[in-house]
PDB file of N, CA and C in Angstrom:
ATOM      1  N   MET A   1       2.009  24.270 -34.331  1.00  0.00           N
ATOM      2  CA  MET A   1       0.631  24.727 -34.305  1.00  0.00           C
ATOM      3  C   MET A   1       0.234  24.983 -32.850  1.00  0.00           C
ATOM      4  N   GLY A   2      -0.105  26.199 -32.573  1.00  0.00           N
ATOM      5  CA  GLY A   2      -0.429  26.579 -31.208  1.00  0.00           C
ATOM      6  C   GLY A   2      -1.910  26.502 -30.913  1.00  0.00           C
ATOM      7  N   MET A   3      -2.234  26.847 -29.688  1.00  0.00           N
ATOM      8  CA  MET A   3      -3.614  26.803 -29.227  1.00  0.00           C
ATOM      9  C   MET A   3      -4.512  27.721 -30.062  1.00  0.00           C
ATOM     10  N   PHE A   4      -4.015  28.867 -30.448  1.00  0.00           N
ATOM     11  CA  PHE A   4      -4.831  29.823 -31.187  1.00  0.00           C
ATOM     12  C   PHE A   4      -5.083  29.369 -32.621  1.00  0.00           C
ATOM     13  N   ASP A   5      -4.198  28.550 -33.166  1.00  0.00           N
ATOM     14  CA  ASP A   5      -4.441  27.975 -34.489  1.00  0.00           C
ATOM     15  C   ASP A   5      -5.655  27.056 -34.446  1.00  0.00           C
ATOM     16  N   ASN A   6      -5.784  26.318 -33.354  1.00  0.00           N
ATOM     17  CA  ASN A   6      -6.953  25.447 -33.195  1.00  0.00           C
ATOM     18  C   ASN A   6      -8.243  26.263 -33.133  1.00  0.00           C
ATOM     19  N   LEU A   7      -8.191  27.412 -32.483  1.00  0.00           N
ATOM     20  CA  LEU A   7      -9.371  28.279 -32.407  1.00  0.00           C
ATOM     21  C   LEU A   7      -9.755  28.802 -33.788  1.00  0.00           C
ATOM     22  N   LYS A   8      -8.766  29.111 -34.615  1.00  0.00           N
ATOM     23  CA  LYS A   8      -9.047  29.560 -35.979  1.00  0.00           C
ATOM     24  C   LYS A   8      -9.732  28.448 -36.761  1.00  0.00           C
ATOM     25  N   ASN A   9      -9.285  27.211 -36.565  1.00  0.00           N
ATOM     26  CA  ASN A   9      -9.902  26.071 -37.246  1.00  0.00           C
ATOM     27  C   ASN A   9     -11.345  25.879 -36.798  1.00  0.00           C
ATOM     28  N   LEU A  10     -11.612  26.084 -35.501  1.00  0.00           N
ATOM     29  CA  LEU A  10     -12.974  25.965 -34.998  1.00  0.00           C
ATOM     30  C   LEU A  10     -13.881  27.032 -35.590  1.00  0.00           C
ATOM     31  N   LYS A  11     -13.350  28.238 -35.755  1.00  0.00           N
ATOM     32  CA  LYS A  11     -14.146  29.307 -36.355  1.00  0.00           C
ATOM     33  C   LYS A  11     -14.483  28.953 -37.795  1.00  0.00           C
ATOM     34  N   GLY A  12     -13.531  28.394 -38.519  1.00  0.00           N
ATOM     35  CA  GLY A  12     -13.785  27.974 -39.890  1.00  0.00           C
ATOM     36  C   GLY A  12     -14.845  26.884 -39.949  1.00  0.00           C
ATOM     37  N   LEU A  13     -14.796  25.973 -38.994  1.00  0.00           N
ATOM     38  CA  LEU A  13     -15.791  24.910 -38.930  1.00  0.00           C
ATOM     39  C   LEU A  13     -17.177  25.479 -38.649  1.00  0.00           C
ATOM     40  N   LYS A  14     -17.232  26.438 -37.715  1.00  0.00           N
ATOM     41  CA  LYS A  14     -18.511  27.063 -37.373  1.00  0.00           C
ATOM     42  C   LYS A  14     -19.075  27.820 -38.577  1.00  0.00           C
ATOM     43  N   ASP A  15     -18.203  28.517 -39.288  1.00  0.00           N
ATOM     44  CA  ASP A  15     -18.643  29.250 -40.474  1.00  0.00           C
ATOM     45  C   ASP A  15     -19.194  28.289 -41.525  1.00  0.00           C
ATOM     46  N   LYS A  16     -18.521  27.168 -41.714  1.00  0.00           N
ATOM     47  CA  LYS A  16     -18.971  26.181 -42.693  1.00  0.00           C
ATOM     48  C   LYS A  16     -20.317  25.585 -42.266  1.00  0.00           C
ATOM     49  N   ALA A  17     -20.465  25.294 -40.972  1.00  0.00           N
ATOM     50  CA  ALA A  17     -21.725  24.758 -40.461  1.00  0.00           C
ATOM     51  C   ALA A  17     -22.857  25.764 -40.667  1.00  0.00           C
ATOM     52  N   SER A  18     -22.573  27.045 -40.435  1.00  0.00           N
ATOM     53  CA  SER A  18     -23.583  28.081 -40.637  1.00  0.00           C
ATOM     54  C   SER A  18     -23.986  28.171 -42.104  1.00  0.00           C
ATOM     55  N   GLU A  19     -22.997  28.085 -42.965  1.00  0.00           N
ATOM     56  CA  GLU A  19     -23.257  28.134 -44.407  1.00  0.00           C
ATOM     57  C   GLU A  19     -24.124  26.946 -44.841  1.00  0.00           C
ATOM     58  N   LEU A  20     -23.776  25.761 -44.380  1.00  0.00           N
ATOM     59  CA  LEU A  20     -24.550  24.568 -44.741  1.00  0.00           C
ATOM     60  C   LEU A  20     -25.964  24.618 -44.167  1.00  0.00           C
ATOM     61  N   ALA A  21     -26.095  25.124 -42.945  1.00  0.00           N
ATOM     62  CA  ALA A  21     -27.413  25.235 -42.325  1.00  0.00           C
ATOM     63  C   ALA A  21     -28.300  26.203 -43.108  1.00  0.00           C
ATOM     64  N   ALA A  22     -27.715  27.297 -43.571  1.00  0.00           N
ATOM     65  CA  ALA A  22     -28.484  28.269 -44.349  1.00  0.00           C
ATOM     66  C   ALA A  22     -28.922  27.675 -45.683  1.00  0.00           C
ATOM     67  N   GLU A  23     -28.038  26.912 -46.307  1.00  0.00           N
ATOM     68  CA  GLU A  23     -28.338  26.344 -47.621  1.00  0.00           C
ATOM     69  C   GLU A  23     -29.246  25.127 -47.549  1.00  0.00           C
ATOM     70  N   HIS A  24     -29.085  24.315 -46.524  1.00  0.00           N
ATOM     71  CA  HIS A  24     -29.768  23.020 -46.498  1.00  0.00           C
ATOM     72  C   HIS A  24     -30.607  22.787 -45.242  1.00  0.00           C
ATOM     73  N   GLY A  25     -30.923  23.838 -44.527  1.00  0.00           N
ATOM     74  CA  GLY A  25     -31.669  23.706 -43.284  1.00  0.00           C
ATOM     75  C   GLY A  25     -33.000  23.018 -43.447  1.00  0.00           C
ATOM     76  N   GLU A  26     -33.702  23.322 -44.519  1.00  0.00           N
ATOM     77  CA  GLU A  26     -35.012  22.705 -44.758  1.00  0.00           C
ATOM     78  C   GLU A  26     -34.874  21.206 -44.978  1.00  0.00           C
ATOM     79  N   THR A  27     -33.856  20.815 -45.727  1.00  0.00           N
ATOM     80  CA  THR A  27     -33.614  19.394 -45.993  1.00  0.00           C
ATOM     81  C   THR A  27     -33.247  18.662 -44.702  1.00  0.00           C
ATOM     82  N   VAL A  28     -32.426  19.292 -43.882  1.00  0.00           N
ATOM     83  CA  VAL A  28     -32.051  18.697 -42.600  1.00  0.00           C
ATOM     84  C   VAL A  28     -33.284  18.545 -41.722  1.00  0.00           C
ATOM     85  N   GLY A  29     -34.143  19.545 -41.717  1.00  0.00           N
ATOM     86  CA  GLY A  29     -35.376  19.481 -40.933  1.00  0.00           C
ATOM     87  C   GLY A  29     -36.267  18.336 -41.362  1.00  0.00           C
ATOM     88  N   LYS A  30     -36.386  18.136 -42.668  1.00  0.00           N
ATOM     89  CA  LYS A  30     -37.183  17.012 -43.170  1.00  0.00           C
ATOM     90  C   LYS A  30     -36.566  15.680 -42.750  1.00  0.00           C
ATOM     91  N   GLY A  31     -35.239  15.610 -42.780  1.00  0.00           N
ATOM     92  CA  GLY A  31     -34.548  14.397 -42.340  1.00  0.00           C
ATOM     93  C   GLY A  31     -34.776  14.123 -40.864  1.00  0.00           C
ATOM     94  N   LEU A  32     -34.762  15.187 -40.066  1.00  0.00           N
ATOM     95  CA  LEU A  32     -35.035  15.031 -38.637  1.00  0.00           C
ATOM     96  C   LEU A  32     -36.449  14.514 -38.408  1.00  0.00           C
ATOM     97  N   ASP A  33     -37.415  15.050 -39.156  1.00  0.00           N
ATOM     98  CA  ASP A  33     -38.800  14.594 -39.031  1.00  0.00           C
ATOM     99  C   ASP A  33     -38.929  13.116 -39.406  1.00  0.00           C
ATOM    100  N   LYS A  34     -38.271  12.738 -40.478  1.00  0.00           N
ATOM    101  CA  LYS A  34     -38.328  11.343 -40.939  1.00  0.00           C
ATOM    102  C   LYS A  34     -37.701  10.408 -39.903  1.00  0.00           C
ATOM    103  N   ALA A  35     -36.539  10.800 -39.375  1.00  0.00           N
ATOM    104  CA  ALA A  35     -35.882   9.989 -38.346  1.00  0.00           C
ATOM    105  C   ALA A  35     -36.757   9.889 -37.097  1.00  0.00           C
ATOM    106  N   ALA A  36     -37.390  10.996 -36.725  1.00  0.00           N
ATOM    107  CA  ALA A  36     -38.264  11.000 -35.552  1.00  0.00           C
ATOM    108  C   ALA A  36     -39.435  10.054 -35.751  1.00  0.00           C
ATOM    109  N   ASP A  37     -40.014  10.047 -36.940  1.00  0.00           N
ATOM    110  CA  ASP A  37     -41.128   9.140 -37.225  1.00  0.00           C
ATOM    111  C   ASP A  37     -40.706   7.679 -37.095  1.00  0.00           C
ATOM    112  N   ILE A  38     -39.509   7.363 -37.585  1.00  0.00           N
ATOM    113  CA  ILE A  38     -39.005   5.990 -37.498  1.00  0.00           C
ATOM    114  C   ILE A  38     -38.794   5.592 -36.035  1.00  0.00           C
ATOM    115  N   VAL A  39     -38.130   6.469 -35.276  1.00  0.00           N
ATOM    116  CA  VAL A  39     -37.880   6.174 -33.859  1.00  0.00           C
ATOM    117  C   VAL A  39     -39.198   6.050 -33.110  1.00  0.00           C
ATOM    118  N   ASP A  40     -40.141   6.932 -33.405  1.00  0.00           N
ATOM    119  CA  ASP A  40     -41.439   6.897 -32.737  1.00  0.00           C
ATOM    120  C   ASP A  40     -42.163   5.587 -33.014  1.00  0.00           C
ATOM    121  N   SER A  41     -42.103   5.121 -34.260  1.00  0.00           N
ATOM    122  CA  SER A  41     -42.768   3.865 -34.579  1.00  0.00           C
ATOM    123  C   SER A  41     -42.063   2.677 -33.916  1.00  0.00           C
ATOM    124  N   LYS A  42     -40.744   2.735 -33.818  1.00  0.00           N
ATOM    125  CA  LYS A  42     -39.989   1.647 -33.181  1.00  0.00           C
ATOM    126  C   LYS A  42     -40.242   1.583 -31.680  1.00  0.00           C
ATOM    127  N   THR A  43     -40.556   2.705 -31.076  1.00  0.00           N
ATOM    128  CA  THR A  43     -40.808   2.731 -29.631  1.00  0.00           C
ATOM    129  C   THR A  43     -42.295   2.635 -29.316  1.00  0.00           C
ATOM    130  N   GLY A  44     -43.092   2.427 -30.337  1.00  0.00           N
ATOM    131  CA  GLY A  44     -44.524   2.270 -30.124  1.00  0.00           C
ATOM    132  C   GLY A  44     -45.210   3.536 -29.641  1.00  0.00           C
ATOM    133  N   GLY A  45     -44.654   4.675 -29.927  1.00  0.00           N
ATOM    134  CA  GLY A  45     -45.260   5.950 -29.542  1.00  0.00           C
ATOM    135  C   GLY A  45     -45.116   6.287 -28.068  1.00  0.00           C
ATOM    136  N   LYS A  46     -44.355   5.479 -27.330  1.00  0.00           N
ATOM    137  CA  LYS A  46     -44.219   5.695 -25.883  1.00  0.00           C
ATOM    138  C   LYS A  46     -43.484   6.984 -25.540  1.00  0.00           C
ATOM    139  N   HIS A  47     -42.638   7.444 -26.451  1.00  0.00           N
ATOM    140  CA  HIS A  47     -41.799   8.614 -26.158  1.00  0.00           C
ATOM    141  C   HIS A  47     -42.017   9.745 -27.162  1.00  0.00           C
ATOM    142  N   SER A  48     -43.196   9.804 -27.731  1.00  0.00           N
ATOM    143  CA  SER A  48     -43.498  10.801 -28.768  1.00  0.00           C
ATOM    144  C   SER A  48     -43.208  12.219 -28.321  1.00  0.00           C
ATOM    145  N   ASP A  49     -43.606  12.546 -27.095  1.00  0.00           N
ATOM    146  CA  ASP A  49     -43.413  13.918 -26.621  1.00  0.00           C
ATOM    147  C   ASP A  49     -41.931  14.267 -26.513  1.00  0.00           C
ATOM    148  N   LYS A  50     -41.126  13.340 -26.044  1.00  0.00           N
ATOM    149  CA  LYS A  50     -39.692  13.602 -25.918  1.00  0.00           C
ATOM    150  C   LYS A  50     -39.024  13.686 -27.290  1.00  0.00           C
ATOM    151  N   ILE A  51     -39.448  12.823 -28.197  1.00  0.00           N
ATOM    152  CA  ILE A  51     -38.905  12.834 -29.554  1.00  0.00           C
ATOM    153  C   ILE A  51     -39.245  14.154 -30.231  1.00  0.00           C
ATOM    154  N   ASP A  52     -40.489  14.575 -30.125  1.00  0.00           N
ATOM    155  CA  ASP A  52     -40.917  15.836 -30.737  1.00  0.00           C
ATOM    156  C   ASP A  52     -40.153  17.028 -30.154  1.00  0.00           C
ATOM    157  N   THR A  53     -39.957  17.016 -28.849  1.00  0.00           N
ATOM    158  CA  THR A  53     -39.205  18.097 -28.205  1.00  0.00           C
ATOM    159  C   THR A  53     -37.772  18.136 -28.727  1.00  0.00           C
ATOM    160  N   GLY A  54     -37.148  16.973 -28.830  1.00  0.00           N
ATOM    161  CA  GLY A  54     -35.775  16.900 -29.336  1.00  0.00           C
ATOM    162  C   GLY A  54     -35.659  17.392 -30.762  1.00  0.00           C
ATOM    163  N   VAL A  55     -36.621  17.012 -31.598  1.00  0.00           N
ATOM    164  CA  VAL A  55     -36.605  17.438 -32.999  1.00  0.00           C
ATOM    165  C   VAL A  55     -36.782  18.951 -33.096  1.00  0.00           C
ATOM    166  N   GLU A  56     -37.686  19.502 -32.331  1.00  0.00           N
ATOM    167  CA  GLU A  56     -37.909  20.949 -32.371  1.00  0.00           C
ATOM    168  C   GLU A  56     -36.674  21.719 -31.890  1.00  0.00           C
ATOM    169  N   LYS A  57     -36.004  21.208 -30.862  1.00  0.00           N
ATOM    170  CA  LYS A  57     -34.783  21.859 -30.392  1.00  0.00           C
ATOM    171  C   LYS A  57     -33.687  21.788 -31.446  1.00  0.00           C
ATOM    172  N   ALA A  58     -33.561  20.625 -32.086  1.00  0.00           N
ATOM    173  CA  ALA A  58     -32.541  20.466 -33.136  1.00  0.00           C
ATOM    174  C   ALA A  58     -32.834  21.405 -34.303  1.00  0.00           C
ATOM    175  N   LYS A  59     -34.098  21.512 -34.689  1.00  0.00           N
ATOM    176  CA  LYS A  59     -34.479  22.425 -35.776  1.00  0.00           C
ATOM    177  C   LYS A  59     -34.175  23.871 -35.388  1.00  0.00           C
ATOM    178  N   GLY A  60     -34.413  24.209 -34.136  1.00  0.00           N
ATOM    179  CA  GLY A  60     -34.109  25.554 -33.661  1.00  0.00           C
ATOM    180  C   GLY A  60     -32.620  25.856 -33.752  1.00  0.00           C
ATOM    181  N   LEU A  61     -31.790  24.879 -33.417  1.00  0.00           N
ATOM    182  CA  LEU A  61     -30.347  25.068 -33.526  1.00  0.00           C
ATOM    183  C   LEU A  61     -29.922  25.233 -34.979  1.00  0.00           C
ATOM    184  N   ILE A  62     -30.499  24.432 -35.864  1.00  0.00           N
ATOM    185  CA  ILE A  62     -30.183  24.528 -37.291  1.00  0.00           C
ATOM    186  C   ILE A  62     -30.600  25.898 -37.819  1.00  0.00           C
ATOM    187  N   ASP A  63     -31.799  26.333 -37.453  1.00  0.00           N
ATOM    188  CA  ASP A  63     -32.269  27.655 -37.890  1.00  0.00           C
ATOM    189  C   ASP A  63     -31.363  28.749 -37.354  1.00  0.00           C
ATOM    190  N   GLY A  64     -30.941  28.621 -36.099  1.00  0.00           N
ATOM    191  CA  GLY A  64     -30.062  29.609 -35.500  1.00  0.00           C
ATOM    192  C   GLY A  64     -28.721  29.680 -36.200  1.00  0.00           C
ATOM    193  N   LEU A  65     -28.183  28.532 -36.566  1.00  0.00           N
ATOM    194  CA  LEU A  65     -26.918  28.519 -37.306  1.00  0.00           C
ATOM    195  C   LEU A  65     -27.075  29.175 -38.665  1.00  0.00           C
ATOM    196  N   GLY A  66     -28.179  28.877 -39.325  1.00  0.00           N
ATOM    197  CA  GLY A  66     -28.426  29.440 -40.643  1.00  0.00           C
ATOM    198  C   GLY A  66     -28.619  30.935 -40.626  1.00  0.00           C
ATOM    199  N   ASP A  67     -29.169  31.450 -39.527  1.00  0.00           N
ATOM    200  CA  ASP A  67     -29.414  32.883 -39.411  1.00  0.00           C
ATOM    201  C   ASP A  67     -28.146  33.674 -39.170  1.00  0.00           C
ATOM    202  N   LYS A  68     -27.103  33.027 -38.689  1.00  0.00           N
ATOM    203  CA  LYS A  68     -25.865  33.728 -38.341  1.00  0.00           C
ATOM    204  C   LYS A  68     -24.964  33.964 -39.550  1.00  0.00           C
ATOM    205  N   LYS A  69     -25.370  33.513 -40.703  1.00  0.00           N
ATOM    206  CA  LYS A  69     -24.550  33.680 -41.890  1.00  0.00           C
ATOM    207  C   LYS A  69     -24.454  35.119 -42.286  1.00  0.00           C
TER     208      LYS A  69
END
């Protein structure tokens, strides 16, 4: 198995991730929101702005993957 075989496997992984993001992006987004709420409550709201920024960036990546299908 050569170097280019590994690249083919990565492309397959990316395609699968794009497919899953398109199918389940909304569910993943809800999960991110729920996780963010838990982390925010555990930190006493001290890092709300950073948590919200991270969640929005993650949602943007998920949406971007889903759009590439």
